Amino acid sequence: MNKLFQFGESMPEYPVRVLNEREARAGAGIFFFLAIVAFMHVWLNGNFAMTQFVVITFFVDFFIRVLINPKYAPSLVLGRIAVRNQAPEYVGAPQKRFAWALGLVLAAVMFFMIVVGDTRGPVTMLICITCLLLLFFETSFGICLGCMIYNAFNKEKAKLCPGGVCEIQDRQAIQNISAAQLAILALVAVGLWAAMRFVTASTADIYPNIVSKPAAVGDEERCKVPEFAKALGHAEKWKLHNNCQ
């Protein structure tokens, strides 16, 4: 039973329980992919079905991670399979448990708002974007934002962080960023912005905006756009998401 309910693995060479960062990042990548697809379904089609599925999956997975054992969480099992031929990168389990506990709280809130209460609004959107941001930083950069919060609220700082960022060290020459690199980055960014402006202007006549049909008389009150949606410039999307077009 003790082997079932535990968080991380005990290894004599490390002062704290550890997890494999590679499978954690793979698990974050799996959820980021599912979440961004669900988000785009909502944004483009007003379809919340996949969002509800992802929220349920997210809640169950993080419940197992935090309250039972991360080695049995489905996303981490898939992550382990994906990176099974890579050498493990051991990281401290305490900060990961704190970060994943934050994820469980967000998942629980989303579960009760979207799945149970079928609630839509700025709060659910903010939580969704927050989750996407956390997952993106984890899977793309190996940066655990929740672990940074752990350091802010705990006297005992995190140990064995990904990439050795917990330990003070000098950057090596290959890590330095030159002025030329920054200049090229800025030039490319400006060029892409100009290209997007050109493409948008040149296709405006080819793909004109579709004028939405007005809502039925009985739906006028239900389809009245709230002030928060207007303030966000989200009026038309709000109508789409609430079947008012």
Protein backbone atom coordinates (compact mmCIF):
# COMPACT_ATOMS: atom_id res chain seq x y z
CA MET A 1 0.00 0.00 0.00
CA ASN A 2 2.86 2.38 0.84
CA LYS A 3 4.28 1.78 -2.62
CA LEU A 4 0.95 2.74 -4.18
CA PHE A 5 0.45 6.03 -2.34
CA GLN A 6 3.74 7.88 -2.66
CA PHE A 7 5.16 10.82 -4.56
CA GLY A 8 8.49 10.37 -6.30
CA GLU A 9 11.22 7.78 -5.95
CA SER A 10 13.75 7.52 -3.13
CA MET A 11 17.33 7.22 -4.38
CA PRO A 12 20.30 7.11 -1.97
CA GLU A 13 22.39 9.52 -4.03
CA TYR A 14 19.83 12.33 -3.83
CA PRO A 15 18.72 14.24 -0.70
CA VAL A 16 15.03 14.35 -1.73
CA ARG A 17 12.60 12.14 -3.60
CA VAL A 18 12.97 12.53 -7.36
CA LEU A 19 10.97 12.37 -10.59
CA ASN A 20 12.07 12.00 -14.20
CA GLU A 21 11.83 15.47 -15.73
CA ARG A 22 11.81 14.07 -19.25
CA GLU A 23 8.55 12.20 -18.77
CA ALA A 24 7.07 15.17 -16.89
CA ARG A 25 7.79 17.42 -19.88
CA ALA A 26 6.36 14.80 -22.24
CA GLY A 27 3.18 14.65 -20.14
CA ALA A 28 2.91 18.45 -20.23
CA GLY A 29 3.31 18.36 -24.01
CA ILE A 30 0.49 15.84 -24.36
CA PHE A 31 -1.85 18.02 -22.33
CA PHE A 32 -0.77 21.19 -24.11
CA PHE A 33 -1.64 19.62 -27.45
CA LEU A 34 -5.09 18.51 -26.23
CA ALA A 35 -5.76 21.84 -24.53
CA ILE A 36 -4.81 24.01 -27.50
CA VAL A 37 -6.98 21.92 -29.84
CA ALA A 38 -9.91 22.24 -27.43
CA PHE A 39 -9.31 25.98 -27.05
CA MET A 40 -9.34 26.49 -30.82
CA HIS A 41 -12.56 24.47 -31.11
CA VAL A 42 -14.17 26.91 -28.70
CA TRP A 43 -12.62 30.01 -30.22
CA LEU A 44 -13.45 29.17 -33.84
CA ASN A 45 -16.60 27.08 -33.58
CA GLY A 46 -18.12 27.82 -30.18
CA ASN A 47 -17.96 24.07 -29.46
CA PHE A 48 -17.28 23.27 -25.78
CA ALA A 49 -17.59 19.47 -26.08
CA MET A 50 -13.85 18.83 -26.42
CA THR A 51 -13.09 21.37 -23.69
CA GLN A 52 -15.27 19.41 -21.28
CA PHE A 53 -13.49 16.19 -22.26
CA VAL A 54 -10.05 17.77 -21.74
CA VAL A 55 -11.08 19.25 -18.38
CA ILE A 56 -12.31 15.86 -17.14
CA THR A 57 -9.11 14.19 -18.35
CA PHE A 58 -6.97 16.94 -16.81
CA PHE A 59 -8.74 16.67 -13.44
CA VAL A 60 -8.50 12.85 -13.27
CA ASP A 61 -4.84 12.87 -14.31
CA PHE A 62 -3.77 15.49 -11.77
CA PHE A 63 -5.86 13.85 -9.04
CA ILE A 64 -3.85 10.66 -9.58
CA ARG A 65 -0.57 12.58 -9.81
CA VAL A 66 -0.97 14.51 -6.58
CA LEU A 67 -3.13 12.33 -4.32
CA ILE A 68 -2.15 8.79 -5.38
CA ASN A 69 1.10 8.37 -7.30
CA PRO A 70 2.40 10.20 -10.38
CA LYS A 71 3.76 6.95 -11.88
CA TYR A 72 0.12 5.89 -12.50
CA ALA A 73 -1.08 9.15 -14.07
CA PRO A 74 -2.08 8.39 -17.70
CA SER A 75 -0.24 11.35 -19.23
CA LEU A 76 2.97 10.45 -17.41
CA VAL A 77 2.65 6.80 -18.41
CA LEU A 78 2.38 7.94 -22.04
CA GLY A 79 5.29 10.32 -21.43
CA ARG A 80 7.37 7.47 -20.01
CA ILE A 81 6.66 5.38 -23.08
CA ALA A 82 7.63 8.28 -25.38
CA VAL A 83 11.00 8.99 -23.68
CA ARG A 84 11.86 5.46 -22.55
CA ASN A 85 15.05 5.46 -24.67
CA GLN A 86 16.34 8.73 -23.19
CA ALA A 87 18.53 8.96 -20.10
CA PRO A 88 16.45 10.13 -17.10
CA GLU A 89 16.92 13.65 -15.77
CA TYR A 90 16.20 13.52 -12.05
CA VAL A 91 14.51 16.52 -10.43
CA GLY A 92 13.25 17.14 -6.92
CA ALA A 93 9.74 15.82 -6.24
CA PRO A 94 8.67 18.34 -3.53
CA GLN A 95 8.50 21.35 -5.86
CA LYS A 96 6.80 19.26 -8.54
CA ARG A 97 4.12 18.17 -6.07
CA PHE A 98 3.47 21.80 -5.16
CA ALA A 99 3.28 22.82 -8.85
CA TRP A 100 0.99 19.92 -9.73
CA ALA A 101 -1.19 20.66 -6.71
CA LEU A 102 -1.77 24.12 -8.22
CA GLY A 103 -2.70 22.35 -11.45
CA LEU A 104 -5.15 20.14 -9.54
CA VAL A 105 -6.81 23.20 -8.01
CA LEU A 106 -7.19 24.83 -11.43
CA ALA A 107 -8.52 21.56 -12.87
CA ALA A 108 -11.06 21.23 -10.04
CA VAL A 109 -12.31 24.77 -10.56
CA MET A 110 -12.62 24.21 -14.31
CA PHE A 111 -14.38 20.87 -13.72
CA PHE A 112 -17.08 22.40 -11.53
CA MET A 113 -17.48 25.50 -13.71
CA ILE A 114 -17.42 23.98 -17.21
CA VAL A 115 -18.50 20.35 -16.74
CA VAL A 116 -20.87 20.57 -13.76
CA GLY A 117 -22.13 24.14 -14.06
CA ASP A 118 -21.73 24.66 -17.82
CA THR A 119 -20.39 28.15 -17.02
CA ARG A 120 -18.72 30.33 -19.63
CA GLY A 121 -17.12 33.69 -19.08
CA PRO A 122 -13.93 35.61 -18.33
CA VAL A 123 -13.00 33.43 -15.33
CA THR A 124 -13.00 30.19 -17.30
CA MET A 125 -11.11 31.88 -20.14
CA LEU A 126 -8.48 33.24 -17.72
CA ILE A 127 -8.00 29.83 -16.09
CA CYS A 128 -7.75 28.16 -19.50
CA ILE A 129 -5.10 30.61 -20.68
CA THR A 130 -3.20 30.18 -17.40
CA CYS A 131 -3.13 26.40 -17.85
CA LEU A 132 -1.95 26.76 -21.44
CA LEU A 133 0.82 29.12 -20.31
CA LEU A 134 2.00 26.75 -17.57
CA LEU A 135 1.98 23.75 -19.91
CA PHE A 136 3.73 25.67 -22.69
CA PHE A 137 6.60 26.82 -20.47
CA GLU A 138 7.00 23.31 -19.05
CA THR A 139 7.06 21.43 -22.33
CA SER A 140 8.85 24.01 -24.51
CA PHE A 141 11.47 25.46 -22.18
CA GLY A 142 11.58 23.03 -19.25
CA ILE A 143 10.59 25.95 -17.00
CA CYS A 144 8.26 24.98 -14.15
CA LEU A 145 6.50 28.21 -13.17
CA GLY A 146 4.78 26.45 -10.28
CA CYS A 147 8.21 25.44 -8.95
CA MET A 148 9.21 29.13 -8.93
CA ILE A 149 6.13 29.87 -6.82
CA TYR A 150 7.22 27.02 -4.52
CA ASN A 151 10.51 28.81 -3.88
CA ALA A 152 8.67 32.03 -3.10
CA PHE A 153 6.54 30.44 -0.35
CA ASN A 154 8.88 27.85 1.18
CA LYS A 155 11.86 28.45 3.43
CA GLU A 156 13.54 25.30 2.15
CA LYS A 157 14.33 26.05 -1.46
CA ALA A 158 13.83 23.56 -4.25
CA LYS A 159 16.61 21.07 -4.96
CA LEU A 160 17.53 19.27 -8.18
CA CYS A 161 15.81 21.67 -10.58
CA PRO A 162 15.74 21.03 -14.37
CA GLY A 163 18.94 22.20 -16.02
CA GLY A 164 20.56 22.79 -12.64
CA VAL A 165 18.95 26.23 -12.27
CA CYS A 166 18.70 25.82 -8.49
CA GLU A 167 22.46 25.89 -8.18
CA ILE A 168 24.40 29.11 -8.81
CA GLN A 169 26.62 28.65 -11.83
CA ASP A 170 28.36 30.71 -14.51
CA ARG A 171 26.99 30.54 -18.01
CA GLN A 172 29.19 28.87 -20.57
CA ALA A 173 30.25 30.58 -23.79
CA ILE A 174 27.66 28.70 -25.86
CA GLN A 175 24.89 30.19 -23.67
CA ASN A 176 25.84 33.84 -24.18
CA ILE A 177 23.67 36.02 -26.43
CA SER A 178 25.37 38.53 -28.70
CA ALA A 179 24.11 41.88 -29.96
CA ALA A 180 24.04 40.48 -33.51
CA GLN A 181 21.69 37.69 -32.45
CA LEU A 182 19.32 40.16 -30.79
CA ALA A 183 19.42 42.43 -33.85
CA ILE A 184 18.53 39.57 -36.20
CA LEU A 185 15.72 38.51 -33.86
CA ALA A 186 14.30 42.04 -33.89
CA LEU A 187 14.57 42.34 -37.69
CA VAL A 188 12.79 39.02 -38.23
CA ALA A 189 10.02 40.03 -35.80
CA VAL A 190 9.48 43.35 -37.61
CA GLY A 191 9.55 41.58 -40.98
CA LEU A 192 6.96 39.02 -39.89
CA TRP A 193 4.72 41.78 -38.52
CA ALA A 194 4.96 43.68 -41.83
CA ALA A 195 4.25 40.49 -43.79
CA MET A 196 1.16 39.79 -41.68
CA ARG A 197 -0.12 43.33 -42.27
CA PHE A 198 0.39 42.89 -46.01
CA VAL A 199 -1.34 39.50 -46.14
CA THR A 200 -4.28 40.77 -44.07
CA ALA A 201 -4.74 43.82 -46.31
CA SER A 202 -4.41 41.86 -49.56
CA THR A 203 -6.97 39.21 -48.58
CA ALA A 204 -9.57 41.55 -47.09
CA ASP A 205 -11.45 41.79 -50.39
CA ILE A 206 -11.17 38.06 -51.11
CA TYR A 207 -12.52 36.93 -47.73
CA PRO A 208 -14.97 39.59 -46.56
CA ASN A 209 -16.42 39.37 -43.08
CA ILE A 210 -19.59 37.35 -42.89
CA VAL A 211 -22.49 39.32 -41.48
CA SER A 212 -24.20 37.36 -38.74
CA LYS A 213 -27.92 36.82 -38.74
CA PRO A 214 -29.74 38.66 -35.98
CA ALA A 215 -30.95 36.65 -33.01
CA ALA A 216 -34.62 35.71 -32.76
CA VAL A 217 -36.88 38.09 -30.89
CA GLY A 218 -37.21 35.67 -27.96
CA ASP A 219 -33.42 35.44 -27.67
CA GLU A 220 -32.71 39.16 -27.54
CA GLU A 221 -32.25 39.26 -23.78
CA ARG A 222 -30.26 36.00 -23.63
CA CYS A 223 -28.00 37.14 -26.45
CA LYS A 224 -27.29 40.56 -25.04
CA VAL A 225 -23.50 40.84 -25.04
CA PRO A 226 -22.14 41.44 -21.50
CA GLU A 227 -19.88 44.38 -20.83
CA PHE A 228 -16.80 42.23 -20.10
CA ALA A 229 -16.99 40.71 -23.61
CA LYS A 230 -17.27 44.15 -25.17
CA ALA A 231 -14.30 45.38 -23.12
CA LEU A 232 -12.22 42.44 -24.35
CA GLY A 233 -13.26 43.04 -27.96
CA HIS A 234 -14.88 39.63 -27.73
CA ALA A 235 -18.46 40.54 -28.62
CA GLU A 236 -18.76 38.54 -31.84
CA LYS A 237 -16.98 35.53 -30.36
CA TRP A 238 -19.27 35.68 -27.32
CA LYS A 239 -22.28 35.48 -29.64
CA LEU A 240 -20.73 32.51 -31.42
CA HIS A 241 -19.92 30.69 -28.18
CA ASN A 242 -23.47 31.23 -26.89
CA ASN A 243 -25.29 30.23 -30.09
CA CYS A 244 -26.44 33.77 -30.82
CA GLN A 245 -25.41 33.93 -34.46
